[in-house]
Amino acid sequence: MTEPSPYPRLFTIQEASRVLPTIEPLIEEMTTAFAAIRREIEAAASEAGLPSNDPRLSERVEARGVAPPLVARVNELIALVHEQGCLVNGPEMGLVDFPAIFGSEIVFLCWKQGEDAIGHYHRIPDGFEGRRPLLDPSAPPDASSIPH
């Protein structure tokens, strides 16, 4: 008996491609917000004369009032992407995964902001570093089909 998927939706490549135009502007806004948060942290660190990894810096960033609404917006955007059945697995880099079936395994179709289409996948434990082109000839021999 097959265990149920822990993901709310499993995508085919075509289904994931149809969702991409919906999530692409959300991811664009999210990475723009992350860049603004990063600039705000750097500005607060410079102003306070603290290194950017100093724990006291979070109080200064919060007191400046710029980052908290940006963080809230990022969380909203992530929720909107997740509502589509996708997973944001690298919000600052614009990484989105689409759960799919590859052979008898659940894998992630993988898209990164700036890519024209969904052209990669990776096994869940391998993460982004293990991503392969969808038509990768070095795929394991028991994986007789591309993710679908």
C-alpha atoms as a PDB file:
ATOM      1  CA  MET A   1       0.000   0.000   0.000  1.00  0.00           C
ATOM      2  CA  THR A   2       1.357   3.425  -0.931  1.00  0.00           C
ATOM      3  CA  GLU A   3       1.659   6.074   1.756  1.00  0.00           C
ATOM      4  CA  PRO A   4      -0.226   9.297   1.096  1.00  0.00           C
ATOM      5  CA  SER A   5       1.858  12.260  -0.025  1.00  0.00           C
ATOM      6  CA  PRO A   6       2.781  14.773   2.673  1.00  0.00           C
ATOM      7  CA  TYR A   7       2.319  17.493   0.050  1.00  0.00           C
ATOM      8  CA  PRO A   8      -1.055  19.035  -0.727  1.00  0.00           C
ATOM      9  CA  ARG A   9      -0.465  18.714  -4.456  1.00  0.00           C
ATOM     10  CA  LEU A  10       1.737  16.730  -6.831  1.00  0.00           C
ATOM     11  CA  PHE A  11       2.536  18.464 -10.112  1.00  0.00           C
ATOM     12  CA  THR A  12       3.245  17.327 -13.614  1.00  0.00           C
ATOM     13  CA  ILE A  13       5.788  19.424 -15.503  1.00  0.00           C
ATOM     14  CA  GLN A  14       2.931  20.957 -17.486  1.00  0.00           C
ATOM     15  CA  GLU A  15       0.946  21.820 -14.355  1.00  0.00           C
ATOM     16  CA  ALA A  16       3.970  23.397 -12.698  1.00  0.00           C
ATOM     17  CA  SER A  17       4.645  25.390 -15.862  1.00  0.00           C
ATOM     18  CA  ARG A  18       1.075  26.712 -15.811  1.00  0.00           C
ATOM     19  CA  VAL A  19       1.470  27.885 -12.197  1.00  0.00           C
ATOM     20  CA  LEU A  20       4.755  29.666 -12.903  1.00  0.00           C
ATOM     21  CA  PRO A  21       3.208  32.890 -14.308  1.00  0.00           C
ATOM     22  CA  THR A  22       1.106  33.169 -11.134  1.00  0.00           C
ATOM     23  CA  ILE A  23       3.993  32.795  -8.708  1.00  0.00           C
ATOM     24  CA  GLU A  24       6.724  34.582 -10.660  1.00  0.00           C
ATOM     25  CA  PRO A  25       5.610  38.123  -9.660  1.00  0.00           C
ATOM     26  CA  LEU A  26       5.219  36.975  -6.046  1.00  0.00           C
ATOM     27  CA  ILE A  27       8.775  35.651  -6.045  1.00  0.00           C
ATOM     28  CA  GLU A  28      10.023  38.859  -7.662  1.00  0.00           C
ATOM     29  CA  GLU A  29       8.415  40.932  -4.915  1.00  0.00           C
ATOM     30  CA  MET A  30       9.741  38.556  -2.261  1.00  0.00           C
ATOM     31  CA  THR A  31      13.368  38.757  -3.410  1.00  0.00           C
ATOM     32  CA  THR A  32      13.082  42.538  -3.738  1.00  0.00           C
ATOM     33  CA  ALA A  33      11.820  42.702  -0.142  1.00  0.00           C
ATOM     34  CA  PHE A  34      14.684  40.462   0.997  1.00  0.00           C
ATOM     35  CA  ALA A  35      17.183  42.796  -0.685  1.00  0.00           C
ATOM     36  CA  ALA A  36      15.603  45.744   1.140  1.00  0.00           C
ATOM     37  CA  ILE A  37      15.780  43.855   4.444  1.00  0.00           C
ATOM     38  CA  ARG A  38      19.452  43.076   3.788  1.00  0.00           C
ATOM     39  CA  ARG A  39      20.144  46.786   3.067  1.00  0.00           C
ATOM     40  CA  GLU A  40      18.290  47.775   6.234  1.00  0.00           C
ATOM     41  CA  ILE A  41      20.353  45.354   8.344  1.00  0.00           C
ATOM     42  CA  GLU A  42      23.558  46.717   6.829  1.00  0.00           C
ATOM     43  CA  ALA A  43      22.451  50.317   7.430  1.00  0.00           C
ATOM     44  CA  ALA A  44      21.519  49.595  11.046  1.00  0.00           C
ATOM     45  CA  ALA A  45      24.830  47.789  11.593  1.00  0.00           C
ATOM     46  CA  SER A  46      26.785  50.676  10.120  1.00  0.00           C
ATOM     47  CA  GLU A  47      24.835  53.240  12.133  1.00  0.00           C
ATOM     48  CA  ALA A  48      25.373  51.302  15.372  1.00  0.00           C
ATOM     49  CA  GLY A  49      28.962  50.316  14.615  1.00  0.00           C
ATOM     50  CA  LEU A  50      28.047  46.646  15.057  1.00  0.00           C
ATOM     51  CA  PRO A  51      28.920  43.640  12.912  1.00  0.00           C
ATOM     52  CA  SER A  52      25.948  42.322  10.936  1.00  0.00           C
ATOM     53  CA  ASN A  53      25.899  39.102  12.987  1.00  0.00           C
ATOM     54  CA  ASP A  54      25.756  40.843  16.380  1.00  0.00           C
ATOM     55  CA  PRO A  55      22.652  39.707  18.322  1.00  0.00           C
ATOM     56  CA  ARG A  56      22.064  43.269  19.567  1.00  0.00           C
ATOM     57  CA  LEU A  57      21.488  44.363  15.989  1.00  0.00           C
ATOM     58  CA  SER A  58      17.978  42.882  15.800  1.00  0.00           C
ATOM     59  CA  GLU A  59      16.725  45.421  18.358  1.00  0.00           C
ATOM     60  CA  ARG A  60      18.189  48.275  16.309  1.00  0.00           C
ATOM     61  CA  VAL A  61      16.700  46.951  13.078  1.00  0.00           C
ATOM     62  CA  GLU A  62      13.291  46.612  14.704  1.00  0.00           C
ATOM     63  CA  ALA A  63      13.494  50.096  16.229  1.00  0.00           C
ATOM     64  CA  ARG A  64      14.196  51.622  12.809  1.00  0.00           C
ATOM     65  CA  GLY A  65      10.784  50.258  11.725  1.00  0.00           C
ATOM     66  CA  VAL A  66      11.629  49.455   8.101  1.00  0.00           C
ATOM     67  CA  ALA A  67      12.311  45.718   8.230  1.00  0.00           C
ATOM     68  CA  PRO A  68       9.315  44.429  10.263  1.00  0.00           C
ATOM     69  CA  PRO A  69       6.676  45.275   7.618  1.00  0.00           C
ATOM     70  CA  LEU A  70       8.967  43.854   4.923  1.00  0.00           C
ATOM     71  CA  VAL A  71       9.309  40.611   6.877  1.00  0.00           C
ATOM     72  CA  ALA A  72       5.526  40.480   7.288  1.00  0.00           C
ATOM     73  CA  ARG A  73       5.084  40.959   3.539  1.00  0.00           C
ATOM     74  CA  VAL A  74       7.616  38.205   2.775  1.00  0.00           C
ATOM     75  CA  ASN A  75       5.617  35.857   5.009  1.00  0.00           C
ATOM     76  CA  GLU A  76       2.413  36.805   3.154  1.00  0.00           C
ATOM     77  CA  LEU A  77       4.069  36.167  -0.206  1.00  0.00           C
ATOM     78  CA  ILE A  78       5.379  32.786   0.914  1.00  0.00           C
ATOM     79  CA  ALA A  79       1.860  31.854   2.047  1.00  0.00           C
ATOM     80  CA  LEU A  80       0.453  32.876  -1.362  1.00  0.00           C
ATOM     81  CA  VAL A  81       2.994  30.676  -3.144  1.00  0.00           C
ATOM     82  CA  HIS A  82       2.270  27.781  -0.796  1.00  0.00           C
ATOM     83  CA  GLU A  83      -1.455  28.149  -1.545  1.00  0.00           C
ATOM     84  CA  GLN A  84      -0.607  27.140  -5.123  1.00  0.00           C
ATOM     85  CA  GLY A  85       0.860  23.865  -3.807  1.00  0.00           C
ATOM     86  CA  CYS A  86       4.475  24.982  -4.313  1.00  0.00           C
ATOM     87  CA  LEU A  87       7.180  25.214  -1.672  1.00  0.00           C
ATOM     88  CA  VAL A  88       9.434  28.213  -1.225  1.00  0.00           C
ATOM     89  CA  ASN A  89      12.735  26.583  -0.334  1.00  0.00           C
ATOM     90  CA  GLY A  90      15.056  29.515  -0.798  1.00  0.00           C
ATOM     91  CA  PRO A  91      13.139  32.738  -0.309  1.00  0.00           C
ATOM     92  CA  GLU A  92      16.114  35.071  -0.546  1.00  0.00           C
ATOM     93  CA  MET A  93      17.330  33.399  -3.753  1.00  0.00           C
ATOM     94  CA  GLY A  94      13.861  32.908  -5.242  1.00  0.00           C
ATOM     95  CA  LEU A  95      13.894  29.097  -5.152  1.00  0.00           C
ATOM     96  CA  VAL A  96      10.593  27.300  -5.579  1.00  0.00           C
ATOM     97  CA  ASP A  97       9.944  23.560  -5.595  1.00  0.00           C
ATOM     98  CA  PHE A  98       6.971  21.720  -7.045  1.00  0.00           C
ATOM     99  CA  PRO A  99       6.395  18.238  -5.584  1.00  0.00           C
ATOM    100  CA  ALA A 100       6.180  15.624  -8.353  1.00  0.00           C
ATOM    101  CA  ILE A 101       6.416  11.886  -8.911  1.00  0.00           C
ATOM    102  CA  PHE A 102       9.590  10.472 -10.512  1.00  0.00           C
ATOM    103  CA  GLY A 103       9.367   6.721 -10.904  1.00  0.00           C
ATOM    104  CA  SER A 104       8.101   5.670  -7.476  1.00  0.00           C
ATOM    105  CA  GLU A 105       9.641   8.585  -5.604  1.00  0.00           C
ATOM    106  CA  ILE A 106       8.393  12.053  -4.736  1.00  0.00           C
ATOM    107  CA  VAL A 107      10.904  14.626  -5.995  1.00  0.00           C
ATOM    108  CA  PHE A 108      10.878  18.374  -6.450  1.00  0.00           C
ATOM    109  CA  LEU A 109      10.661  20.063  -9.807  1.00  0.00           C
ATOM    110  CA  CYS A 110      12.922  23.019  -9.172  1.00  0.00           C
ATOM    111  CA  TRP A 111      12.703  26.595 -10.440  1.00  0.00           C
ATOM    112  CA  LYS A 112      14.873  29.580  -9.569  1.00  0.00           C
ATOM    113  CA  GLN A 113      13.878  33.175 -10.190  1.00  0.00           C
ATOM    114  CA  GLY A 114      15.304  34.306 -13.500  1.00  0.00           C
ATOM    115  CA  GLU A 115      14.973  30.913 -15.202  1.00  0.00           C
ATOM    116  CA  ASP A 116      12.671  30.904 -18.221  1.00  0.00           C
ATOM    117  CA  ALA A 117      11.031  27.595 -17.400  1.00  0.00           C
ATOM    118  CA  ILE A 118      11.078  24.656 -15.033  1.00  0.00           C
ATOM    119  CA  GLY A 119      14.041  22.715 -16.321  1.00  0.00           C
ATOM    120  CA  HIS A 120      15.404  20.893 -13.272  1.00  0.00           C
ATOM    121  CA  TYR A 121      14.432  18.507 -10.531  1.00  0.00           C
ATOM    122  CA  HIS A 122      16.092  17.135  -7.417  1.00  0.00           C
ATOM    123  CA  ARG A 123      15.533  14.361  -4.963  1.00  0.00           C
ATOM    124  CA  ILE A 124      14.242  15.719  -1.667  1.00  0.00           C
ATOM    125  CA  PRO A 125      17.298  14.753   0.426  1.00  0.00           C
ATOM    126  CA  ASP A 126      19.686  16.155  -2.214  1.00  0.00           C
ATOM    127  CA  GLY A 127      18.327  19.697  -2.101  1.00  0.00           C
ATOM    128  CA  PHE A 128      19.175  22.434  -4.587  1.00  0.00           C
ATOM    129  CA  GLU A 129      22.797  21.264  -4.789  1.00  0.00           C
ATOM    130  CA  GLY A 130      21.605  17.936  -6.198  1.00  0.00           C
ATOM    131  CA  ARG A 131      19.393  19.349  -8.914  1.00  0.00           C
ATOM    132  CA  ARG A 132      19.611  17.828 -12.370  1.00  0.00           C
ATOM    133  CA  PRO A 133      18.262  18.836 -15.745  1.00  0.00           C
ATOM    134  CA  LEU A 134      14.908  17.191 -16.461  1.00  0.00           C
ATOM    135  CA  LEU A 135      16.449  15.132 -19.251  1.00  0.00           C
ATOM    136  CA  ASP A 136      19.647  14.252 -17.366  1.00  0.00           C
ATOM    137  CA  PRO A 137      21.227  11.113 -18.844  1.00  0.00           C
ATOM    138  CA  SER A 138      23.096  10.477 -15.582  1.00  0.00           C
ATOM    139  CA  ALA A 139      19.847   9.932 -13.685  1.00  0.00           C
ATOM    140  CA  PRO A 140      19.729   6.645 -11.761  1.00  0.00           C
ATOM    141  CA  PRO A 141      18.909   3.675 -14.026  1.00  0.00           C
ATOM    142  CA  ASP A 142      15.815   2.739 -12.029  1.00  0.00           C
ATOM    143  CA  ALA A 143      14.367   6.170 -12.741  1.00  0.00           C
ATOM    144  CA  SER A 144      13.051   5.226 -16.163  1.00  0.00           C
ATOM    145  CA  SER A 145      11.019   8.338 -16.761  1.00  0.00           C
ATOM    146  CA  ILE A 146      11.344  12.024 -16.194  1.00  0.00           C
ATOM    147  CA  PRO A 147       9.272  13.542 -13.399  1.00  0.00           C
ATOM    148  CA  HIS A 148       5.643  13.859 -14.376  1.00  0.00           C
END
